Amino acid sequence: MAPKFGTSGLRGLVTELNDDLVADYTRAFLSACPHGGALHLGRDLRPSSPDIAKAVIRTALAEGVPVIDCGALPTPALALSSLAAGQAAIMVTGSHIPADRNGLKFYVPTGEITKQDEQAIQANLGRNSAVLTAKYTKDSAAGAAYITRYVSGFGPRALAGLRIGVYQHSSVARDLMVDVVQSLGGEVVPLARSDSFIPVDTEALDPNTQALLAGWCHEHRLNAVISTDGDADRPMLADETGRIVPGDVLGALTARTLGAQCLCTPISSNSMIHQMPDFSEIHLTRIGSPYVIAAMEAALADTPEVPVAGYEANGGFLLGFEAQGPAGPLAPLMTRDCLLPILAPLAAANKMGQGLAHLVASLPPRFTAADRISGIEANVSQAFLTELTASAAARKAFFGDTETDLDTTDGLRVTFSNGEMVHIRPSGNAPECRCYAEADQADRAMHLVKLHLEKLSAELT
């Protein structure tokens, strides 16, 4: 696929992300957007990431912009560092997609770029290269500062008595997660570290990985298993049985634990939040952190004192206010974070002396499931969805149930007379068609996803 902006930055095949293209986008970003006098740079553990990072460095220095190279570290750790300095950042990562693809995530001094910033970057492509020089430095402290954020906020006893499995695979946060759990008093069991890149999609784990989690919990007597996607802006948390806690459930638990009153989350997130008395204001958005951030900023502009938080169905959590952790304050961080939605539910359950599964069971009984078909270009998926959206007869033939509501905020989300929902949309990051479902039973939600993916496969492949 030709490199393009999706819901999480620029993405494309490694073969397409050559030095000239990377340099072009880097120059366009530094020309179109404020950078605060320097560029912070990070990368994930993909084989292609070091060379792409070198192309970014050469270009920024030639543009006269100093580069602070933070090395391999989580995306939220890079954002924390650049935001604290009031400077720009680029993260070299393809997140959860396969290793033959990679990408760039851009940050201005105030946070993630907006859709308007994306348009400005694209308008500045094709600029002539400069021949200036600037200072290059390495910074190994950004990861440590990210750890300190959570140790000071949660305290050295937050996870005391817990045995936590850390599924390391090729996550750029694999060592950092070990350090954090140990610093919070937990006992760590490292699991399945890999020397090759594994594209773990925390939103749609394959059955083999889910079976591994259950086996590890039984074998090692674990209270939980934690992990992230490749660049560590999406969490993965399994309870003591090895069952995955969905990202939108982690988001709701984290927001409740921290005292958020206003929630901003995509239309694909679990609708149980409407049944929770903790939240007085809920804003549903299109899928993608830029849309969540825009909703959070609008809420804060309307009511500056409101405790606002955002999260995506993949679990990435955005904190829009200074929250109080068990041991100290947690400053706002309005970019997708993996650690906060892992630590907050674990610490809350541990404080109450119960397992994570019990904490999850206390929520309204509403369940989601998600999966996708790979190898489907967005224009193919979109053409089919356009046809469904325009024709009630086509929807009836495809879904087979009586619909009571239609939502086109992002893709096509249909609510049926029994209260169940099915949501279909093209991925913004990869050639995939994604399907989400919601029902009052977990097995039913999974069945709906499987059923409609089979229908989609018959239509699209």
Protein backbone atom coordinates (compact mmCIF):
# COMPACT_ATOMS: atom_id res chain seq x y z
CA MET A 1 0.00 0.00 0.00
CA ALA A 2 1.25 3.50 -0.78
CA PRO A 3 2.19 5.37 2.42
CA LYS A 4 -0.69 7.49 3.69
CA PHE A 5 -2.11 9.02 6.84
CA GLY A 6 -4.48 6.82 8.81
CA THR A 7 -5.88 7.03 12.32
CA SER A 8 -2.38 6.87 13.85
CA GLY A 9 0.01 8.73 11.57
CA LEU A 10 1.72 7.84 8.32
CA ARG A 11 1.80 4.14 7.43
CA GLY A 12 3.07 2.14 4.48
CA LEU A 13 5.15 -0.75 3.22
CA VAL A 14 8.81 -0.61 4.22
CA THR A 15 9.72 -0.83 0.54
CA GLU A 16 7.73 2.38 -0.02
CA LEU A 17 9.15 4.19 3.03
CA ASN A 18 12.49 4.90 1.37
CA ASP A 19 14.89 7.64 2.45
CA ASP A 20 13.51 10.18 -0.01
CA LEU A 21 9.91 9.71 1.11
CA VAL A 22 10.82 9.81 4.82
CA ALA A 23 12.88 12.95 4.24
CA ASP A 24 10.01 14.55 2.31
CA TYR A 25 7.52 13.99 5.15
CA THR A 26 10.04 15.07 7.79
CA ARG A 27 10.75 18.34 5.93
CA ALA A 28 7.04 18.92 5.41
CA PHE A 29 6.30 18.34 9.10
CA LEU A 30 9.06 20.71 10.27
CA SER A 31 7.93 23.34 7.78
CA ALA A 32 4.18 23.10 8.34
CA CYS A 33 4.04 22.59 12.10
CA PRO A 34 5.65 24.26 15.13
CA HIS A 35 8.57 22.33 16.58
CA GLY A 36 9.64 24.41 19.58
CA GLY A 37 13.28 24.51 18.55
CA ALA A 38 14.06 20.78 18.54
CA LEU A 39 12.82 17.37 17.44
CA HIS A 40 12.62 14.40 19.83
CA LEU A 41 12.92 11.05 18.08
CA GLY A 42 11.93 7.53 19.14
CA ARG A 43 11.45 4.16 17.46
CA ASP A 44 10.04 0.70 18.01
CA LEU A 45 11.86 -2.64 17.58
CA ARG A 46 11.02 -3.36 13.94
CA PRO A 47 14.05 -4.27 11.82
CA SER A 48 13.38 -1.30 9.54
CA SER A 49 12.99 1.31 12.28
CA PRO A 50 16.70 2.19 12.86
CA ASP A 51 17.27 3.05 9.17
CA ILE A 52 14.08 5.10 8.97
CA ALA A 53 15.13 6.93 12.14
CA LYS A 54 18.50 7.75 10.54
CA ALA A 55 16.71 9.30 7.56
CA VAL A 56 14.64 11.46 9.93
CA ILE A 57 17.79 12.55 11.79
CA ARG A 58 19.69 13.49 8.62
CA THR A 59 16.76 15.50 7.31
CA ALA A 60 16.02 17.38 10.55
CA LEU A 61 19.67 18.33 11.04
CA ALA A 62 19.86 19.55 7.45
CA GLU A 63 16.79 21.68 8.15
CA GLY A 64 18.63 23.27 11.06
CA VAL A 65 16.49 21.57 13.70
CA PRO A 66 18.38 19.96 16.62
CA VAL A 67 17.56 16.29 17.19
CA ILE A 68 17.24 14.62 20.59
CA ASP A 69 17.46 10.89 19.92
CA CYS A 70 15.61 8.97 22.64
CA GLY A 71 16.28 5.58 21.05
CA ALA A 72 13.88 2.65 21.36
CA LEU A 73 11.09 3.52 23.82
CA PRO A 74 7.29 3.57 24.11
CA THR A 75 5.40 6.18 22.12
CA PRO A 76 3.80 7.68 25.28
CA ALA A 77 7.25 7.96 26.89
CA LEU A 78 8.50 9.91 23.88
CA ALA A 79 5.41 12.12 23.99
CA LEU A 80 5.87 12.74 27.72
CA SER A 81 9.46 13.85 27.08
CA SER A 82 8.70 16.13 24.14
CA LEU A 83 5.63 17.68 25.78
CA ALA A 84 7.61 18.45 28.94
CA ALA A 85 10.21 20.23 26.79
CA GLY A 86 7.60 22.00 24.65
CA GLN A 87 9.12 20.53 21.50
CA ALA A 88 8.10 18.34 18.58
CA ALA A 89 8.57 14.58 18.21
CA ILE A 90 8.51 11.84 15.61
CA MET A 91 8.02 8.20 16.55
CA VAL A 92 9.14 5.63 13.98
CA THR A 93 6.62 2.81 14.32
CA GLY A 94 4.05 0.71 12.54
CA SER A 95 2.34 -0.06 15.85
CA HIS A 96 0.64 -3.48 15.64
CA ILE A 97 0.78 -4.08 11.88
CA PRO A 98 3.18 -6.63 10.30
CA ALA A 99 6.93 -6.04 10.09
CA ASP A 100 6.86 -5.45 6.34
CA ARG A 101 5.14 -2.14 7.14
CA ASN A 102 6.22 0.83 9.21
CA GLY A 103 5.32 4.45 9.75
CA LEU A 104 5.79 7.82 11.42
CA LYS A 105 3.80 9.38 14.24
CA PHE A 106 4.09 13.16 14.54
CA TYR A 107 3.82 15.33 17.66
CA VAL A 108 3.78 19.12 17.87
CA PRO A 109 4.87 20.79 21.14
CA THR A 110 1.32 20.55 22.50
CA GLY A 111 0.68 16.91 21.58
CA GLU A 112 -0.47 14.73 18.70
CA ILE A 113 -0.99 16.40 15.35
CA THR A 114 -4.55 17.17 14.31
CA LYS A 115 -6.26 16.34 11.05
CA GLN A 116 -5.63 19.96 10.05
CA ASP A 117 -1.91 19.44 10.74
CA GLU A 118 -2.02 16.36 8.48
CA GLN A 119 -3.43 18.47 5.66
CA ALA A 120 -0.73 21.11 6.19
CA ILE A 121 2.01 18.46 6.10
CA GLN A 122 0.66 17.03 2.86
CA ALA A 123 0.46 20.52 1.36
CA ASN A 124 4.16 21.04 2.13
CA LEU A 125 5.42 17.85 0.50
CA GLY A 126 7.94 18.29 -2.30
CA ARG A 127 9.95 21.09 -0.68
CA ASN A 128 13.61 21.48 -1.57
CA SER A 129 16.09 20.05 0.91
CA ALA A 130 18.13 22.44 3.03
CA VAL A 131 21.85 22.30 3.78
CA LEU A 132 21.94 23.68 7.30
CA THR A 133 23.45 21.97 10.32
CA ALA A 134 22.18 21.46 13.85
CA LYS A 135 23.12 19.65 17.05
CA TYR A 136 22.49 15.94 17.55
CA THR A 137 22.24 14.52 21.08
CA LYS A 138 21.15 11.25 22.65
CA ASP A 139 18.77 11.11 25.61
CA SER A 140 18.47 7.92 27.63
CA ALA A 141 16.37 9.53 30.37
CA ALA A 142 12.99 9.65 28.64
CA GLY A 143 12.09 6.05 29.48
CA ALA A 144 13.14 6.51 33.12
CA ALA A 145 10.96 9.62 33.42
CA TYR A 146 8.00 7.61 32.13
CA ILE A 147 8.59 4.95 34.79
CA THR A 148 8.91 7.62 37.49
CA ARG A 149 5.52 9.04 36.51
CA TYR A 150 3.82 5.83 37.61
CA VAL A 151 5.99 4.95 40.57
CA SER A 152 5.33 8.37 42.11
CA GLY A 153 1.63 8.22 41.25
CA PHE A 154 0.90 4.68 42.46
CA GLY A 155 3.55 4.06 45.11
CA PRO A 156 5.83 1.12 45.93
CA ARG A 157 3.04 -1.11 47.35
CA ALA A 158 0.33 -0.69 44.69
CA LEU A 159 0.93 -4.18 43.25
CA ALA A 160 2.32 -5.84 46.38
CA GLY A 161 1.43 -9.53 46.61
CA LEU A 162 0.65 -9.89 42.89
CA ARG A 163 2.43 -12.22 40.46
CA ILE A 164 2.33 -10.50 37.08
CA GLY A 165 3.27 -12.19 33.84
CA VAL A 166 4.85 -9.82 31.31
CA TYR A 167 4.29 -11.06 27.75
CA GLN A 168 7.34 -9.41 26.25
CA HIS A 169 7.29 -10.55 22.58
CA SER A 170 8.78 -7.61 20.61
CA SER A 171 7.08 -4.76 22.47
CA VAL A 172 9.35 -1.75 22.83
CA ALA A 173 8.09 -1.57 26.45
CA ARG A 174 9.05 -5.15 27.35
CA ASP A 175 11.84 -4.23 29.79
CA LEU A 176 10.14 -1.09 31.02
CA MET A 177 7.03 -3.08 32.05
CA VAL A 178 9.20 -5.34 34.17
CA ASP A 179 10.78 -2.34 35.90
CA VAL A 180 7.43 -0.70 36.60
CA VAL A 181 5.78 -3.80 38.08
CA GLN A 182 8.77 -4.47 40.32
CA SER A 183 8.91 -0.81 41.39
CA LEU A 184 5.25 -1.03 42.42
CA GLY A 185 5.88 -4.10 44.59
CA GLY A 186 4.74 -6.82 42.19
CA GLU A 187 6.55 -10.05 41.35
CA VAL A 188 7.36 -10.39 37.63
CA VAL A 189 7.36 -13.51 35.46
CA PRO A 190 8.83 -12.61 32.02
CA LEU A 191 7.20 -14.52 29.16
CA ALA A 192 7.93 -15.24 25.47
CA ARG A 193 10.56 -12.65 24.63
CA SER A 194 11.20 -12.63 20.89
CA ASP A 195 14.20 -11.62 18.79
CA SER A 196 11.98 -11.20 15.73
CA PHE A 197 9.13 -8.71 15.41
CA ILE A 198 5.68 -10.08 16.27
CA PRO A 199 2.71 -7.91 15.19
CA VAL A 200 0.53 -8.21 18.30
CA ASP A 201 -2.85 -6.53 17.82
CA THR A 202 -4.13 -6.11 21.37
CA GLU A 203 -7.62 -5.38 20.04
CA ALA A 204 -7.93 -8.68 18.17
CA LEU A 205 -5.72 -11.39 19.66
CA ASP A 206 -5.61 -14.66 17.76
CA PRO A 207 -6.93 -17.83 19.49
CA ASN A 208 -3.43 -19.29 19.91
CA THR A 209 -2.29 -16.24 21.89
CA GLN A 210 -5.41 -16.36 24.04
CA ALA A 211 -4.72 -20.03 24.80
CA LEU A 212 -1.13 -19.15 25.73
CA LEU A 213 -2.36 -16.57 28.24
CA ALA A 214 -4.62 -19.08 29.99
CA GLY A 215 -1.81 -21.64 30.07
CA TRP A 216 0.66 -19.18 31.54
CA CYS A 217 -1.76 -18.09 34.27
CA HIS A 218 -2.30 -21.71 35.31
CA GLU A 219 1.36 -22.78 35.04
CA HIS A 220 2.85 -19.78 36.87
CA ARG A 221 -0.06 -19.06 39.26
CA LEU A 222 -0.38 -15.52 37.90
CA ASN A 223 -2.75 -12.81 39.03
CA ALA A 224 -2.58 -11.18 35.61
CA VAL A 225 -0.67 -11.02 32.34
CA ILE A 226 0.25 -7.66 30.84
CA SER A 227 1.62 -6.59 27.48
CA THR A 228 1.33 -3.93 24.78
CA ASP A 229 1.37 -3.60 21.01
CA GLY A 230 4.64 -2.89 19.19
CA ASP A 231 5.08 0.78 20.15
CA ALA A 232 3.33 0.48 23.52
CA ASP A 233 0.46 2.92 23.17
CA ARG A 234 -2.12 0.12 23.44
CA PRO A 235 -2.41 -2.03 26.58
CA MET A 236 -3.10 -5.72 26.93
CA LEU A 237 -4.29 -7.04 30.29
CA ALA A 238 -5.52 -10.53 31.07
CA ASP A 239 -7.09 -11.48 34.40
CA GLU A 240 -6.10 -14.37 36.66
CA THR A 241 -7.81 -16.88 34.35
CA GLY A 242 -6.02 -15.59 31.27
CA ARG A 243 -9.14 -13.91 29.92
CA ILE A 244 -8.44 -10.63 28.12
CA VAL A 245 -10.05 -7.53 29.58
CA PRO A 246 -11.12 -5.52 26.50
CA GLY A 247 -9.54 -2.12 26.02
CA ASP A 248 -12.79 -0.21 26.35
CA VAL A 249 -13.46 -1.98 29.67
CA LEU A 250 -9.98 -1.00 30.86
CA GLY A 251 -10.78 2.56 29.80
CA ALA A 252 -14.00 2.68 31.78
CA LEU A 253 -12.36 1.16 34.87
CA THR A 254 -9.42 3.54 34.68
CA ALA A 255 -11.62 6.60 34.20
CA ARG A 256 -13.78 5.58 37.16
CA THR A 257 -10.75 4.88 39.36
CA LEU A 258 -9.21 8.28 38.60
CA GLY A 259 -12.45 10.21 39.11
CA ALA A 260 -13.11 11.33 35.55
CA GLN A 261 -16.59 12.70 35.01
CA CYS A 262 -16.48 13.48 31.29
CA LEU A 263 -15.59 10.71 28.81
CA CYS A 264 -14.60 11.03 25.17
CA THR A 265 -14.41 7.75 23.29
CA PRO A 266 -15.09 6.40 19.79
CA ILE A 267 -18.43 5.07 18.67
CA SER A 268 -16.97 1.53 18.71
CA SER A 269 -16.44 1.52 22.49
CA ASN A 270 -18.59 -0.53 24.87
CA SER A 271 -21.89 1.27 25.50
CA MET A 272 -22.00 0.12 29.14
CA ILE A 273 -20.60 3.53 30.13
CA HIS A 274 -24.10 4.94 29.56
CA GLN A 275 -25.30 2.72 32.42
CA MET A 276 -22.52 3.78 34.82
CA PRO A 277 -23.45 6.59 37.25
CA ASP A 278 -19.81 7.74 37.47
CA PHE A 279 -19.89 9.75 34.24
CA SER A 280 -22.06 12.81 33.80
CA GLU A 281 -20.98 13.58 30.24
CA ILE A 282 -20.12 11.25 27.34
CA HIS A 283 -18.98 12.26 23.86
CA LEU A 284 -18.77 9.62 21.11
CA THR A 285 -16.34 10.23 18.25
CA ARG A 286 -14.92 8.73 15.09
CA ILE A 287 -12.22 6.10 15.61
CA GLY A 288 -8.72 7.51 16.07
CA SER A 289 -6.94 9.43 18.80
CA PRO A 290 -7.07 12.78 16.88
CA TYR A 291 -10.87 12.67 17.11
CA VAL A 292 -10.82 11.73 20.79
CA ILE A 293 -8.36 14.54 21.54
CA ALA A 294 -10.49 17.05 19.62
CA ALA A 295 -13.52 16.05 21.71
CA MET A 296 -11.51 16.33 24.92
CA GLU A 297 -10.23 19.77 23.96
CA ALA A 298 -13.76 20.91 23.13
CA ALA A 299 -15.03 19.66 26.50
CA LEU A 300 -12.21 21.43 28.33
CA ALA A 301 -12.83 24.64 26.40
CA ASP A 302 -16.50 24.50 27.38
CA THR A 303 -15.86 23.59 31.04
CA PRO A 304 -12.15 23.95 31.93
CA GLU A 305 -12.53 22.44 35.39
CA VAL A 306 -14.20 19.21 34.20
CA PRO A 307 -12.19 16.03 34.89
CA VAL A 308 -12.08 14.72 31.32
CA ALA A 309 -10.55 11.48 30.08
CA GLY A 310 -10.53 9.70 26.76
CA TYR A 311 -9.84 6.20 25.56
CA GLU A 312 -10.16 4.06 22.48
CA ALA A 313 -11.57 0.56 22.14
CA ASN A 314 -7.98 -0.65 21.81
CA GLY A 315 -7.38 0.58 25.38
CA GLY A 316 -5.09 3.54 24.69
CA PHE A 317 -5.93 5.99 27.49
CA LEU A 318 -5.73 9.80 27.37
CA LEU A 319 -5.71 11.80 30.61
CA GLY A 320 -6.98 15.36 30.34
CA PHE A 321 -6.73 16.50 33.96
CA GLU A 322 -4.40 16.16 36.93
CA ALA A 323 -5.64 13.00 38.59
CA GLN A 324 -4.82 11.74 42.04
CA GLY A 325 -3.18 8.33 42.13
CA PRO A 326 -2.90 6.20 45.28
CA ALA A 327 0.43 7.83 46.17
CA GLY A 328 0.55 11.12 44.28
CA PRO A 329 -0.67 13.18 41.35
CA LEU A 330 -0.68 12.09 37.72
CA ALA A 331 -0.22 15.00 35.34
CA PRO A 332 -2.33 15.18 32.17
CA LEU A 333 -1.02 13.20 29.19
CA MET A 334 -3.31 13.61 26.19
CA THR A 335 -1.85 10.89 24.03
CA ARG A 336 -2.63 7.18 23.98
CA ASP A 337 -0.95 5.54 26.96
CA CYS A 338 -0.56 1.84 27.73
CA LEU A 339 0.59 1.83 31.36
CA LEU A 340 -2.17 3.83 33.03
CA PRO A 341 -5.02 1.52 31.87
CA ILE A 342 -2.97 -1.47 33.01
CA LEU A 343 -1.91 -0.18 36.41
CA ALA A 344 -5.08 1.61 37.53
CA PRO A 345 -7.39 -1.45 37.35
CA LEU A 346 -4.75 -3.76 38.85
CA ALA A 347 -4.06 -1.39 41.72
CA ALA A 348 -7.78 -0.83 42.33
CA ALA A 349 -8.51 -4.56 42.46
CA ASN A 350 -5.49 -5.18 44.70
CA LYS A 351 -6.54 -2.43 47.11
CA MET A 352 -9.99 -4.05 47.41
CA GLY A 353 -8.41 -7.46 47.99
CA GLN A 354 -10.09 -9.05 44.98
CA GLY A 355 -9.04 -10.45 41.63
CA LEU A 356 -9.23 -8.47 38.44
CA ALA A 357 -12.00 -10.74 37.15
CA HIS A 358 -14.19 -9.76 40.11
CA LEU A 359 -13.62 -6.06 39.44
CA VAL A 360 -14.62 -6.48 35.79
CA ALA A 361 -17.72 -8.47 36.80
CA SER A 362 -18.93 -5.48 38.84
CA LEU A 363 -19.54 -3.50 35.63
CA PRO A 364 -22.84 -3.49 33.70
CA PRO A 365 -23.14 -6.77 31.72
CA ARG A 366 -22.38 -5.58 28.21
CA PHE A 367 -19.78 -7.29 26.03
CA THR A 368 -17.90 -6.44 22.86
CA ALA A 369 -15.82 -8.41 20.39
CA ALA A 370 -13.75 -7.40 17.37
CA ASP A 371 -11.78 -8.95 14.54
CA ARG A 372 -10.90 -8.20 10.94
CA ILE A 373 -10.31 -9.57 7.46
CA SER A 374 -6.83 -8.80 6.18
CA GLY A 375 -5.92 -8.06 2.59
CA ILE A 376 -8.97 -5.91 1.87
CA GLU A 377 -8.18 -2.43 0.56
CA ALA A 378 -10.13 0.43 2.09
CA ASN A 379 -11.82 1.44 -1.17
CA VAL A 380 -13.26 -2.08 -1.56
CA SER A 381 -14.68 -2.07 1.97
CA GLN A 382 -15.97 1.46 1.62
CA ALA A 383 -17.80 0.75 -1.62
CA PHE A 384 -19.65 -2.12 0.00
CA LEU A 385 -20.50 -0.03 3.10
CA THR A 386 -21.76 2.80 0.90
CA GLU A 387 -24.14 0.34 -0.75
CA LEU A 388 -25.37 -0.97 2.62
CA THR A 389 -25.80 2.52 4.05
CA ALA A 390 -27.89 3.66 1.09
CA SER A 391 -30.26 0.67 1.02
CA ALA A 392 -32.43 -0.68 3.83
CA ALA A 393 -33.13 -3.72 1.67
CA ALA A 394 -29.40 -4.39 1.24
CA ARG A 395 -28.89 -4.14 5.01
CA LYS A 396 -31.78 -6.51 5.65
CA ALA A 397 -30.34 -9.03 3.19
CA PHE A 398 -26.85 -8.79 4.72
CA PHE A 399 -27.61 -8.58 8.45
CA GLY A 400 -30.88 -10.56 8.49
CA ASP A 401 -32.21 -8.80 11.61
CA THR A 402 -34.61 -5.94 12.18
CA GLU A 403 -32.68 -2.73 12.71
CA THR A 404 -33.73 0.01 15.12
CA ASP A 405 -30.86 2.46 14.68
CA LEU A 406 -28.20 3.34 12.13
CA ASP A 407 -25.00 5.24 12.96
CA THR A 408 -22.53 6.38 10.30
CA THR A 409 -20.16 8.31 12.58
CA ASP A 410 -17.36 6.00 11.40
CA GLY A 411 -18.25 3.23 8.99
CA LEU A 412 -21.63 1.59 9.55
CA ARG A 413 -22.96 0.68 13.01
CA VAL A 414 -26.36 -1.03 13.14
CA THR A 415 -28.44 -1.62 16.27
CA PHE A 416 -31.01 -4.41 16.11
CA SER A 417 -34.36 -4.86 17.85
CA ASN A 418 -32.82 -7.16 20.48
CA GLY A 419 -30.30 -4.45 21.47
CA GLU A 420 -27.31 -6.12 19.79
CA MET A 421 -24.99 -4.06 17.59
CA VAL A 422 -22.71 -4.78 14.63
CA HIS A 423 -20.23 -2.19 13.39
CA ILE A 424 -18.21 -2.48 10.16
CA ARG A 425 -15.51 -0.09 8.92
CA PRO A 426 -12.37 -0.05 6.79
CA SER A 427 -9.16 0.16 8.82
CA GLY A 428 -7.39 3.49 8.67
CA ASN A 429 -3.97 1.89 9.17
CA ALA A 430 -3.83 -1.27 7.07
CA PRO A 431 -5.62 -3.09 4.22
CA GLU A 432 -8.21 -4.59 6.54
CA CYS A 433 -11.96 -4.55 7.04
CA ARG A 434 -12.82 -4.50 10.73
CA CYS A 435 -15.93 -5.81 12.43
CA TYR A 436 -17.12 -5.02 15.96
CA ALA A 437 -20.10 -6.43 17.81
CA GLU A 438 -21.85 -5.83 21.11
CA ALA A 439 -24.31 -8.00 23.04
CA ASP A 440 -25.41 -8.89 26.57
CA GLN A 441 -23.33 -12.10 26.53
CA ALA A 442 -19.65 -12.41 25.62
CA ASP A 443 -20.17 -15.56 23.54
CA ARG A 444 -22.95 -13.89 21.60
CA ALA A 445 -20.75 -10.88 20.75
CA MET A 446 -18.00 -13.21 19.52
CA HIS A 447 -20.54 -15.17 17.47
CA LEU A 448 -21.79 -11.98 15.82
CA VAL A 449 -18.25 -11.00 14.80
CA LYS A 450 -17.49 -14.45 13.39
CA LEU A 451 -20.81 -14.58 11.54
CA HIS A 452 -20.44 -11.18 9.93
CA LEU A 453 -16.79 -11.66 9.04
CA GLU A 454 -17.83 -14.77 7.14
CA LYS A 455 -20.48 -12.72 5.35
CA LEU A 456 -17.96 -9.96 4.62
CA SER A 457 -15.46 -12.46 3.30
CA ALA A 458 -18.03 -13.80 0.88
CA GLU A 459 -18.80 -10.28 -0.32
CA LEU A 460 -15.31 -8.76 -0.44
CA THR A 461 -12.90 -11.54 -1.38
